[in-house]
C-alpha atoms as a PDB file:
ATOM      1  CA  MET A   1      62.744 -23.100 -72.735  1.00  0.00           C
ATOM      2  CA  ASP A   2      64.184 -21.164 -75.565  1.00  0.00           C
ATOM      3  CA  LYS A   3      67.035 -19.234 -74.641  1.00  0.00           C
ATOM      4  CA  SER A   4      67.873 -18.144 -78.016  1.00  0.00           C
ATOM      5  CA  ILE A   5      69.068 -14.615 -78.483  1.00  0.00           C
ATOM      6  CA  HIS A   6      66.752 -14.832 -81.835  1.00  0.00           C
ATOM      7  CA  SER A   7      63.212 -15.571 -79.319  1.00  0.00           C
ATOM      8  CA  ALA A   8      60.101 -13.588 -80.480  1.00  0.00           C
ATOM      9  CA  GLU A   9      60.058 -12.297 -76.754  1.00  0.00           C
ATOM     10  CA  TYR A  10      63.579 -11.195 -77.536  1.00  0.00           C
ATOM     11  CA  ARG A  11      63.112  -9.394 -80.752  1.00  0.00           C
ATOM     12  CA  ARG A  12      60.185  -7.741 -79.180  1.00  0.00           C
ATOM     13  CA  LEU A  13      61.918  -6.315 -76.702  1.00  0.00           C
ATOM     14  CA  CYS A  14      64.713  -5.282 -79.176  1.00  0.00           C
ATOM     15  CA  ALA A  15      61.723  -3.255 -80.693  1.00  0.00           C
ATOM     16  CA  ILE A  16      59.931  -1.824 -77.760  1.00  0.00           C
ATOM     17  CA  LEU A  17      63.851  -0.189 -76.515  1.00  0.00           C
ATOM     18  CA  ARG A  18      63.968   1.354 -80.342  1.00  0.00           C
ATOM     19  CA  GLU A  19      60.388   2.341 -80.087  1.00  0.00           C
ATOM     20  CA  LEU A  20      61.223   3.985 -76.873  1.00  0.00           C
ATOM     21  CA  ARG A  21      64.372   5.566 -78.058  1.00  0.00           C
ATOM     22  CA  LEU A  22      62.274   7.039 -81.002  1.00  0.00           C
ATOM     23  CA  GLU A  23      59.774   8.309 -79.107  1.00  0.00           C
ATOM     24  CA  ALA A  24      62.261  10.288 -76.727  1.00  0.00           C
ATOM     25  CA  VAL A  25      63.761  12.049 -80.109  1.00  0.00           C
ATOM     26  CA  LEU A  26      66.963  10.481 -79.357  1.00  0.00           C
ATOM     27  CA  THR A  27      69.709   9.103 -81.717  1.00  0.00           C
ATOM     28  CA  GLN A  28      71.490   6.025 -81.041  1.00  0.00           C
ATOM     29  CA  VAL A  29      74.880   8.245 -80.413  1.00  0.00           C
ATOM     30  CA  GLN A  30      73.016  10.470 -77.700  1.00  0.00           C
ATOM     31  CA  VAL A  31      71.818   6.960 -76.162  1.00  0.00           C
ATOM     32  CA  ALA A  32      75.016   5.552 -76.160  1.00  0.00           C
ATOM     33  CA  GLU A  33      76.808   8.664 -74.582  1.00  0.00           C
ATOM     34  CA  ARG A  34      74.368   8.777 -71.766  1.00  0.00           C
ATOM     35  CA  LEU A  35      75.517   4.820 -71.258  1.00  0.00           C
ATOM     36  CA  ASP A  36      79.019   5.629 -71.630  1.00  0.00           C
ATOM     37  CA  GLU A  37      79.194   3.462 -74.265  1.00  0.00           C
ATOM     38  CA  PRO A  38      79.988   3.266 -78.217  1.00  0.00           C
ATOM     39  CA  GLN A  39      77.259   3.909 -80.505  1.00  0.00           C
ATOM     40  CA  SER A  40      77.619   0.446 -81.702  1.00  0.00           C
ATOM     41  CA  PHE A  41      76.673  -0.883 -78.535  1.00  0.00           C
ATOM     42  CA  VAL A  42      73.052   0.379 -78.981  1.00  0.00           C
ATOM     43  CA  SER A  43      73.044  -0.246 -82.588  1.00  0.00           C
ATOM     44  CA  LYS A  44      73.760  -4.412 -81.916  1.00  0.00           C
ATOM     45  CA  TYR A  45      71.092  -4.286 -78.921  1.00  0.00           C
ATOM     46  CA  GLU A  46      68.370  -2.757 -81.144  1.00  0.00           C
ATOM     47  CA  ALA A  47      69.419  -5.698 -83.964  1.00  0.00           C
ATOM     48  CA  GLY A  48      69.091  -8.258 -81.426  1.00  0.00           C
ATOM     49  CA  GLU A  49      72.896  -8.964 -82.513  1.00  0.00           C
ATOM     50  CA  ARG A  50      73.844  -8.232 -78.280  1.00  0.00           C
ATOM     51  CA  ARG A  51      71.739  -9.677 -75.356  1.00  0.00           C
ATOM     52  CA  LEU A  52      71.096  -7.461 -72.509  1.00  0.00           C
ATOM     53  CA  ASP A  53      71.468  -8.700 -68.848  1.00  0.00           C
ATOM     54  CA  VAL A  54      69.034  -7.085 -66.277  1.00  0.00           C
ATOM     55  CA  VAL A  55      71.550  -4.398 -65.046  1.00  0.00           C
ATOM     56  CA  GLU A  56      71.834  -3.189 -68.440  1.00  0.00           C
ATOM     57  CA  LEU A  57      68.611  -3.250 -69.234  1.00  0.00           C
ATOM     58  CA  ARG A  58      67.847  -1.046 -66.270  1.00  0.00           C
ATOM     59  CA  GLN A  59      70.802   1.204 -67.406  1.00  0.00           C
ATOM     60  CA  VAL A  60      69.259   1.867 -71.204  1.00  0.00           C
ATOM     61  CA  THR A  61      65.783   2.461 -69.789  1.00  0.00           C
ATOM     62  CA  THR A  62      66.740   4.827 -67.679  1.00  0.00           C
ATOM     63  CA  ALA A  63      68.771   6.294 -70.546  1.00  0.00           C
ATOM     64  CA  LEU A  64      65.819   6.149 -72.455  1.00  0.00           C
ATOM     65  CA  GLY A  65      63.878   8.233 -69.877  1.00  0.00           C
ATOM     66  CA  THR A  66      61.628   5.381 -68.561  1.00  0.00           C
ATOM     67  CA  THR A  67      61.718   2.673 -65.565  1.00  0.00           C
ATOM     68  CA  LEU A  68      62.738  -1.013 -66.324  1.00  0.00           C
ATOM     69  CA  TRP A  69      58.989  -1.984 -64.684  1.00  0.00           C
ATOM     70  CA  ALA A  70      57.340   0.334 -67.945  1.00  0.00           C
ATOM     71  CA  THR A  71      59.492  -1.374 -70.351  1.00  0.00           C
ATOM     72  CA  LEU A  72      58.363  -4.816 -68.796  1.00  0.00           C
ATOM     73  CA  GLU A  73      54.592  -3.627 -68.844  1.00  0.00           C
ATOM     74  CA  GLN A  74      54.797  -3.128 -72.317  1.00  0.00           C
ATOM     75  CA  LEU A  75      56.534  -6.770 -73.275  1.00  0.00           C
ATOM     76  CA  TRP A  76      54.243  -8.597 -70.816  1.00  0.00           C
ATOM     77  CA  PRO A  77      51.152  -6.218 -70.073  1.00  0.00           C
ATOM     78  CA  THR A  78      49.768  -7.499 -66.616  1.00  0.00           C
ATOM     79  CA  ASN A  79      46.214  -7.918 -68.169  1.00  0.00           C
ATOM     80  CA  ALA A  80      47.403 -10.137 -70.655  1.00  0.00           C
ATOM     81  CA  PRO A  81      47.122 -14.211 -70.461  1.00  0.00           C
ATOM     82  CA  THR A  82      50.416 -16.089 -69.588  1.00  0.00           C
END
């Protein structure tokens, strides 16, 4: 199992989070304010420089106006082969 912060799946998750932010018409600063974190927190997870744990991921998805489950569905669609 690849545990690298730079795995293809993790890079895809970072891209999904950035896409969700852009679709919500939010800046990194606005998301950071919702999370009570500095803007660099958002920048680092979007760039893959910081790994999010599951609790943080749920908080980020909520700040983006979506759910953890909807985000995971984008990462791993249920109709896709495993």
